Amino acid sequence: MKILPMICDHNTLTETDFGIPGEEIPTDRGEFIGLFLNEEVNEKDIFEAMDKVKEQGGLIYLPHPFDEKRRRSLCKYNILNDKDFKRRVDIVEVFNSRCEDNRPNEMAYKYAKMNNMLMGVGSDSHFPWELGNAYLIVEEFDRDNPKEFLKVLKKNNRDGFKYYGKLGNPINMLCSKLSKRINNSGSLRLPKLKFNKNMIRYL
């Protein structure tokens, strides 16, 4: 099995010599992920940001869209049923391993099915021990070709939606909040990382 991670940092396009580059993009109406990007997206209007992703040939992925415990989840902004919004969406995350319970994932699954949208999953790793808590099982594809990825994802969804996923430990969310406060305080500035293959190890 070949492992091909999608690494999407908050507000920053990930530099990576492997996997698929992406960015978790904050907007005036919640956050979404742009995949297969080559330029950082800084627009704050959600529709302008989505269009910027599309202009690059990228894909729009909705992470944890119904998790009300996340500060910028889309469910808080009355946007998920907007027609102009939905027609721009490529993939809905229907399992996020960092949700504290499975209810937001179940709601995302129903939303994707109701709107005939492709489904994905995410480990949403903030720490090394969270890597691989959720992943899709798809055929190999050209990592520089988003259309090819959509093709293998459609096959995965059609053939029974093959994925692995487990909910993480709630203590991880607490650790994330603590690390953000430390970093934002200015007392400790964490360096911007350039990801490489040696930083990810699957057991």
C-alpha atoms as a PDB file:
ATOM      1  CA  MET A   1       0.000   0.000   0.000  1.00  0.00           C
ATOM      2  CA  LYS A   2       1.303   3.418  -0.973  1.00  0.00           C
ATOM      3  CA  ILE A   3       0.773   6.246   1.546  1.00  0.00           C
ATOM      4  CA  LEU A   4       0.059   9.674   0.091  1.00  0.00           C
ATOM      5  CA  PRO A   5      -0.798  12.223   2.791  1.00  0.00           C
ATOM      6  CA  MET A   6      -2.585  15.506   2.247  1.00  0.00           C
ATOM      7  CA  ILE A   7      -0.933  18.047   4.541  1.00  0.00           C
ATOM      8  CA  CYS A   8      -2.938  21.214   5.103  1.00  0.00           C
ATOM      9  CA  ASP A   9      -1.737  23.753   7.641  1.00  0.00           C
ATOM     10  CA  HIS A  10      -3.921  26.579   8.944  1.00  0.00           C
ATOM     11  CA  ASN A  11      -3.601  29.823   6.944  1.00  0.00           C
ATOM     12  CA  THR A  12      -0.454  28.560   5.205  1.00  0.00           C
ATOM     13  CA  LEU A  13       0.196  26.576   2.047  1.00  0.00           C
ATOM     14  CA  THR A  14       2.206  23.541   3.080  1.00  0.00           C
ATOM     15  CA  GLU A  15       5.602  23.077   1.470  1.00  0.00           C
ATOM     16  CA  THR A  16       6.119  19.383   0.789  1.00  0.00           C
ATOM     17  CA  ASP A  17       8.270  17.253  -1.460  1.00  0.00           C
ATOM     18  CA  PHE A  18       5.737  14.430  -1.269  1.00  0.00           C
ATOM     19  CA  GLY A  19       2.010  14.061  -0.847  1.00  0.00           C
ATOM     20  CA  ILE A  20      -0.534  16.659  -1.864  1.00  0.00           C
ATOM     21  CA  PRO A  21      -0.122  20.329  -0.926  1.00  0.00           C
ATOM     22  CA  GLY A  22      -3.030  22.134   0.653  1.00  0.00           C
ATOM     23  CA  GLU A  23      -4.148  24.912   2.957  1.00  0.00           C
ATOM     24  CA  GLU A  24      -6.872  25.222   5.570  1.00  0.00           C
ATOM     25  CA  ILE A  25      -8.314  28.577   4.589  1.00  0.00           C
ATOM     26  CA  PRO A  26     -10.090  30.855   7.114  1.00  0.00           C
ATOM     27  CA  THR A  27     -12.800  33.078   5.640  1.00  0.00           C
ATOM     28  CA  ASP A  28     -15.545  35.409   6.806  1.00  0.00           C
ATOM     29  CA  ARG A  29     -17.969  32.466   6.803  1.00  0.00           C
ATOM     30  CA  GLY A  30     -15.937  29.581   8.144  1.00  0.00           C
ATOM     31  CA  GLU A  31     -12.971  27.525   6.988  1.00  0.00           C
ATOM     32  CA  PHE A  32     -12.428  25.047   4.189  1.00  0.00           C
ATOM     33  CA  ILE A  33      -9.459  23.250   2.677  1.00  0.00           C
ATOM     34  CA  GLY A  34      -7.963  23.870  -0.735  1.00  0.00           C
ATOM     35  CA  LEU A  35      -6.129  20.845  -2.182  1.00  0.00           C
ATOM     36  CA  PHE A  36      -3.623  20.602  -5.057  1.00  0.00           C
ATOM     37  CA  LEU A  37      -2.621  24.231  -4.615  1.00  0.00           C
ATOM     38  CA  ASN A  38       0.474  25.992  -5.877  1.00  0.00           C
ATOM     39  CA  GLU A  39      -0.301  29.422  -4.400  1.00  0.00           C
ATOM     40  CA  GLU A  40      -1.460  30.468  -0.940  1.00  0.00           C
ATOM     41  CA  VAL A  41      -5.048  31.712  -0.723  1.00  0.00           C
ATOM     42  CA  ASN A  42      -5.544  34.847   1.406  1.00  0.00           C
ATOM     43  CA  GLU A  43      -8.989  36.069   0.339  1.00  0.00           C
ATOM     44  CA  LYS A  44     -11.406  36.477   3.267  1.00  0.00           C
ATOM     45  CA  ASP A  45     -14.660  36.418   1.300  1.00  0.00           C
ATOM     46  CA  ILE A  46     -15.556  32.734   1.168  1.00  0.00           C
ATOM     47  CA  PHE A  47     -16.673  32.760  -2.463  1.00  0.00           C
ATOM     48  CA  GLU A  48     -13.598  34.679  -3.609  1.00  0.00           C
ATOM     49  CA  ALA A  49     -11.393  32.221  -1.703  1.00  0.00           C
ATOM     50  CA  MET A  50     -13.139  29.219  -3.257  1.00  0.00           C
ATOM     51  CA  ASP A  51     -12.816  30.744  -6.716  1.00  0.00           C
ATOM     52  CA  LYS A  52      -9.097  31.337  -6.094  1.00  0.00           C
ATOM     53  CA  VAL A  53      -8.693  27.616  -5.396  1.00  0.00           C
ATOM     54  CA  LYS A  54     -10.584  26.736  -8.573  1.00  0.00           C
ATOM     55  CA  GLU A  55      -8.464  29.139 -10.643  1.00  0.00           C
ATOM     56  CA  GLN A  56      -5.419  27.064  -9.666  1.00  0.00           C
ATOM     57  CA  GLY A  57      -7.119  23.843 -10.703  1.00  0.00           C
ATOM     58  CA  GLY A  58      -7.442  22.903  -7.035  1.00  0.00           C
ATOM     59  CA  LEU A  59     -10.182  21.071  -5.169  1.00  0.00           C
ATOM     60  CA  ILE A  60     -12.436  22.304  -2.380  1.00  0.00           C
ATOM     61  CA  TYR A  61     -12.698  20.025   0.640  1.00  0.00           C
ATOM     62  CA  LEU A  62     -14.958  20.670   3.630  1.00  0.00           C
ATOM     63  CA  PRO A  63     -13.327  19.574   6.922  1.00  0.00           C
ATOM     64  CA  HIS A  64     -15.519  18.790   9.972  1.00  0.00           C
ATOM     65  CA  PRO A  65     -18.372  20.919   8.548  1.00  0.00           C
ATOM     66  CA  PHE A  66     -20.841  20.097  11.359  1.00  0.00           C
ATOM     67  CA  ASP A  67     -18.552  20.155  14.387  1.00  0.00           C
ATOM     68  CA  GLU A  68     -19.963  23.028  16.447  1.00  0.00           C
ATOM     69  CA  LYS A  69     -17.062  22.804  18.899  1.00  0.00           C
ATOM     70  CA  ARG A  70     -14.642  24.125  16.257  1.00  0.00           C
ATOM     71  CA  ARG A  71     -14.476  27.888  16.188  1.00  0.00           C
ATOM     72  CA  ARG A  72     -14.690  28.281  12.395  1.00  0.00           C
ATOM     73  CA  SER A  73     -16.817  25.278  11.404  1.00  0.00           C
ATOM     74  CA  LEU A  74     -19.061  26.019   8.440  1.00  0.00           C
ATOM     75  CA  CYS A  75     -22.242  24.987  10.299  1.00  0.00           C
ATOM     76  CA  LYS A  76     -22.003  28.204  12.326  1.00  0.00           C
ATOM     77  CA  TYR A  77     -22.276  30.518   9.323  1.00  0.00           C
ATOM     78  CA  ASN A  78     -25.513  29.524   7.533  1.00  0.00           C
ATOM     79  CA  ILE A  79     -23.583  28.672   4.370  1.00  0.00           C
ATOM     80  CA  LEU A  80     -23.831  24.903   3.907  1.00  0.00           C
ATOM     81  CA  ASN A  81     -27.160  25.009   2.044  1.00  0.00           C
ATOM     82  CA  ASP A  82     -26.302  28.003  -0.128  1.00  0.00           C
ATOM     83  CA  LYS A  83     -26.607  26.943  -3.786  1.00  0.00           C
ATOM     84  CA  ASP A  84     -23.581  28.953  -4.949  1.00  0.00           C
ATOM     85  CA  PHE A  85     -21.533  27.429  -2.151  1.00  0.00           C
ATOM     86  CA  LYS A  86     -22.580  23.829  -2.829  1.00  0.00           C
ATOM     87  CA  ARG A  87     -21.817  23.970  -6.531  1.00  0.00           C
ATOM     88  CA  ARG A  88     -18.189  24.847  -5.740  1.00  0.00           C
ATOM     89  CA  VAL A  89     -17.642  21.951  -3.301  1.00  0.00           C
ATOM     90  CA  ASP A  90     -15.724  18.862  -4.470  1.00  0.00           C
ATOM     91  CA  ILE A  91     -15.424  16.726  -1.320  1.00  0.00           C
ATOM     92  CA  VAL A  92     -17.123  16.578   2.091  1.00  0.00           C
ATOM     93  CA  GLU A  93     -15.226  15.148   5.047  1.00  0.00           C
ATOM     94  CA  VAL A  94     -17.629  12.644   6.619  1.00  0.00           C
ATOM     95  CA  PHE A  95     -15.204  11.319   9.226  1.00  0.00           C
ATOM     96  CA  ASN A  96     -12.805  13.493  11.211  1.00  0.00           C
ATOM     97  CA  SER A  97     -10.858  11.661  13.892  1.00  0.00           C
ATOM     98  CA  ARG A  98     -10.565  14.735  16.130  1.00  0.00           C
ATOM     99  CA  CYS A  99     -14.307  15.131  16.663  1.00  0.00           C
ATOM    100  CA  GLU A 100     -15.066  14.471  20.314  1.00  0.00           C
ATOM    101  CA  ASP A 101     -17.968  12.207  19.343  1.00  0.00           C
ATOM    102  CA  ASN A 102     -19.298  10.805  16.088  1.00  0.00           C
ATOM    103  CA  ARG A 103     -22.418  12.964  15.757  1.00  0.00           C
ATOM    104  CA  PRO A 104     -20.794  15.696  13.577  1.00  0.00           C
ATOM    105  CA  ASN A 105     -19.424  12.960  11.300  1.00  0.00           C
ATOM    106  CA  GLU A 106     -22.865  11.371  10.955  1.00  0.00           C
ATOM    107  CA  MET A 107     -24.358  14.754  10.047  1.00  0.00           C
ATOM    108  CA  ALA A 108     -21.650  15.329   7.436  1.00  0.00           C
ATOM    109  CA  TYR A 109     -22.327  11.886   5.940  1.00  0.00           C
ATOM    110  CA  LYS A 110     -26.043  12.660   5.601  1.00  0.00           C
ATOM    111  CA  TYR A 111     -25.238  16.051   4.074  1.00  0.00           C
ATOM    112  CA  ALA A 112     -22.909  14.515   1.488  1.00  0.00           C
ATOM    113  CA  LYS A 113     -25.436  11.828   0.571  1.00  0.00           C
ATOM    114  CA  MET A 114     -28.328  14.294   0.349  1.00  0.00           C
ATOM    115  CA  ASN A 115     -26.357  16.554  -1.975  1.00  0.00           C
ATOM    116  CA  ASN A 116     -24.694  13.765  -3.977  1.00  0.00           C
ATOM    117  CA  MET A 117     -21.204  14.958  -2.992  1.00  0.00           C
ATOM    118  CA  LEU A 118     -18.000  12.934  -2.873  1.00  0.00           C
ATOM    119  CA  MET A 119     -16.924  11.814   0.601  1.00  0.00           C
ATOM    120  CA  GLY A 120     -13.513  11.895   2.268  1.00  0.00           C
ATOM    121  CA  VAL A 121     -12.000  11.383   5.709  1.00  0.00           C
ATOM    122  CA  GLY A 122      -9.280  13.105   7.695  1.00  0.00           C
ATOM    123  CA  SER A 123      -7.078  12.357  10.674  1.00  0.00           C
ATOM    124  CA  ASP A 124      -6.706  16.134  11.238  1.00  0.00           C
ATOM    125  CA  SER A 125      -3.348  15.385  12.858  1.00  0.00           C
ATOM    126  CA  HIS A 126      -1.887  18.088  15.065  1.00  0.00           C
ATOM    127  CA  PHE A 127       0.558  15.722  16.772  1.00  0.00           C
ATOM    128  CA  PRO A 128       2.666  12.806  15.454  1.00  0.00           C
ATOM    129  CA  TRP A 129       0.657  10.180  17.333  1.00  0.00           C
ATOM    130  CA  GLU A 130      -2.511  11.246  15.501  1.00  0.00           C
ATOM    131  CA  LEU A 131      -1.135  10.445  12.041  1.00  0.00           C
ATOM    132  CA  GLY A 132      -3.085   7.709  10.331  1.00  0.00           C
ATOM    133  CA  ASN A 133      -6.135   7.893  12.611  1.00  0.00           C
ATOM    134  CA  ALA A 134      -8.194   8.190   9.425  1.00  0.00           C
ATOM    135  CA  TYR A 135      -7.373   7.497   5.803  1.00  0.00           C
ATOM    136  CA  LEU A 136      -8.979   6.546   2.503  1.00  0.00           C
ATOM    137  CA  ILE A 137      -8.145   3.406   0.576  1.00  0.00           C
ATOM    138  CA  VAL A 138      -8.012   4.273  -3.130  1.00  0.00           C
ATOM    139  CA  GLU A 139      -6.189   3.152  -6.233  1.00  0.00           C
ATOM    140  CA  GLU A 140      -2.894   4.841  -7.047  1.00  0.00           C
ATOM    141  CA  PHE A 141      -3.120   8.101  -8.962  1.00  0.00           C
ATOM    142  CA  ASP A 142      -0.904  10.913 -10.221  1.00  0.00           C
ATOM    143  CA  ARG A 143      -0.441  13.211  -7.210  1.00  0.00           C
ATOM    144  CA  ASP A 144      -0.190  16.200  -9.537  1.00  0.00           C
ATOM    145  CA  ASN A 145      -3.544  15.466 -11.173  1.00  0.00           C
ATOM    146  CA  PRO A 146      -6.631  16.495  -9.157  1.00  0.00           C
ATOM    147  CA  LYS A 147      -9.011  15.178 -11.816  1.00  0.00           C
ATOM    148  CA  GLU A 148      -7.433  11.748 -11.524  1.00  0.00           C
ATOM    149  CA  PHE A 149      -7.823  11.891  -7.753  1.00  0.00           C
ATOM    150  CA  LEU A 150     -11.525  12.712  -8.128  1.00  0.00           C
ATOM    151  CA  LYS A 151     -11.845   9.735 -10.462  1.00  0.00           C
ATOM    152  CA  VAL A 152     -10.376   7.237  -7.956  1.00  0.00           C
ATOM    153  CA  LEU A 153     -12.368   8.852  -5.140  1.00  0.00           C
ATOM    154  CA  LYS A 154     -15.593   8.370  -7.109  1.00  0.00           C
ATOM    155  CA  LYS A 155     -14.697   4.701  -7.533  1.00  0.00           C
ATOM    156  CA  ASN A 156     -14.011   4.390  -3.805  1.00  0.00           C
ATOM    157  CA  ASN A 157     -17.376   5.972  -2.935  1.00  0.00           C
ATOM    158  CA  ARG A 158     -19.207   3.857  -5.479  1.00  0.00           C
ATOM    159  CA  ASP A 159     -17.624   0.608  -4.301  1.00  0.00           C
ATOM    160  CA  GLY A 160     -18.663   0.983  -0.671  1.00  0.00           C
ATOM    161  CA  PHE A 161     -16.585   3.914   0.621  1.00  0.00           C
ATOM    162  CA  LYS A 162     -13.411   2.180   1.777  1.00  0.00           C
ATOM    163  CA  TYR A 163     -11.677   3.958   4.639  1.00  0.00           C
ATOM    164  CA  TYR A 164     -10.190   3.475   8.090  1.00  0.00           C
ATOM    165  CA  GLY A 165     -11.099   5.793  10.930  1.00  0.00           C
ATOM    166  CA  LYS A 166     -11.015   5.975  14.705  1.00  0.00           C
ATOM    167  CA  LEU A 167     -11.873   8.835  17.011  1.00  0.00           C
ATOM    168  CA  GLY A 168      -8.896  10.266  18.835  1.00  0.00           C
ATOM    169  CA  ASN A 169      -8.455  11.062  22.496  1.00  0.00           C
ATOM    170  CA  PRO A 170     -10.258  14.299  23.606  1.00  0.00           C
ATOM    171  CA  ILE A 171      -7.072  15.277  25.453  1.00  0.00           C
ATOM    172  CA  ASN A 172      -5.555  16.026  22.034  1.00  0.00           C
ATOM    173  CA  MET A 173      -7.904  18.998  21.595  1.00  0.00           C
ATOM    174  CA  LEU A 174      -6.787  20.365  24.949  1.00  0.00           C
ATOM    175  CA  CYS A 175      -3.134  19.959  23.940  1.00  0.00           C
ATOM    176  CA  SER A 176      -3.839  21.810  20.682  1.00  0.00           C
ATOM    177  CA  LYS A 177      -5.445  24.757  22.471  1.00  0.00           C
ATOM    178  CA  LEU A 178      -2.559  24.917  24.933  1.00  0.00           C
ATOM    179  CA  SER A 179       0.072  24.855  22.184  1.00  0.00           C
ATOM    180  CA  LYS A 180      -1.768  27.652  20.315  1.00  0.00           C
ATOM    181  CA  ARG A 181      -1.847  29.825  23.428  1.00  0.00           C
ATOM    182  CA  ILE A 182       1.858  29.286  24.025  1.00  0.00           C
ATOM    183  CA  ASN A 183       2.702  30.058  20.407  1.00  0.00           C
ATOM    184  CA  ASN A 184       0.414  33.116  20.226  1.00  0.00           C
ATOM    185  CA  SER A 185       1.721  34.531  23.491  1.00  0.00           C
ATOM    186  CA  GLY A 186       5.076  35.287  21.908  1.00  0.00           C
ATOM    187  CA  SER A 187       6.959  33.521  24.689  1.00  0.00           C
ATOM    188  CA  LEU A 188       7.625  30.595  22.386  1.00  0.00           C
ATOM    189  CA  ARG A 189       7.555  30.849  18.627  1.00  0.00           C
ATOM    190  CA  LEU A 190       7.414  27.523  16.852  1.00  0.00           C
ATOM    191  CA  PRO A 191       9.282  27.439  13.521  1.00  0.00           C
ATOM    192  CA  LYS A 192       7.465  27.006  10.240  1.00  0.00           C
ATOM    193  CA  LEU A 193       8.120  23.456   9.131  1.00  0.00           C
ATOM    194  CA  LYS A 194       8.907  22.143   5.712  1.00  0.00           C
ATOM    195  CA  PHE A 195       7.508  18.640   5.600  1.00  0.00           C
ATOM    196  CA  ASN A 196       9.438  15.703   4.219  1.00  0.00           C
ATOM    197  CA  LYS A 197       8.980  11.938   4.149  1.00  0.00           C
ATOM    198  CA  ASN A 198      11.101  11.355   7.264  1.00  0.00           C
ATOM    199  CA  MET A 199       8.619  13.306   9.400  1.00  0.00           C
ATOM    200  CA  ILE A 200       5.850  10.727   8.923  1.00  0.00           C
ATOM    201  CA  ARG A 201       6.138   7.166  10.140  1.00  0.00           C
ATOM    202  CA  TYR A 202       3.335   4.612  10.138  1.00  0.00           C
ATOM    203  CA  LEU A 203       3.502   1.726  12.636  1.00  0.00           C
END
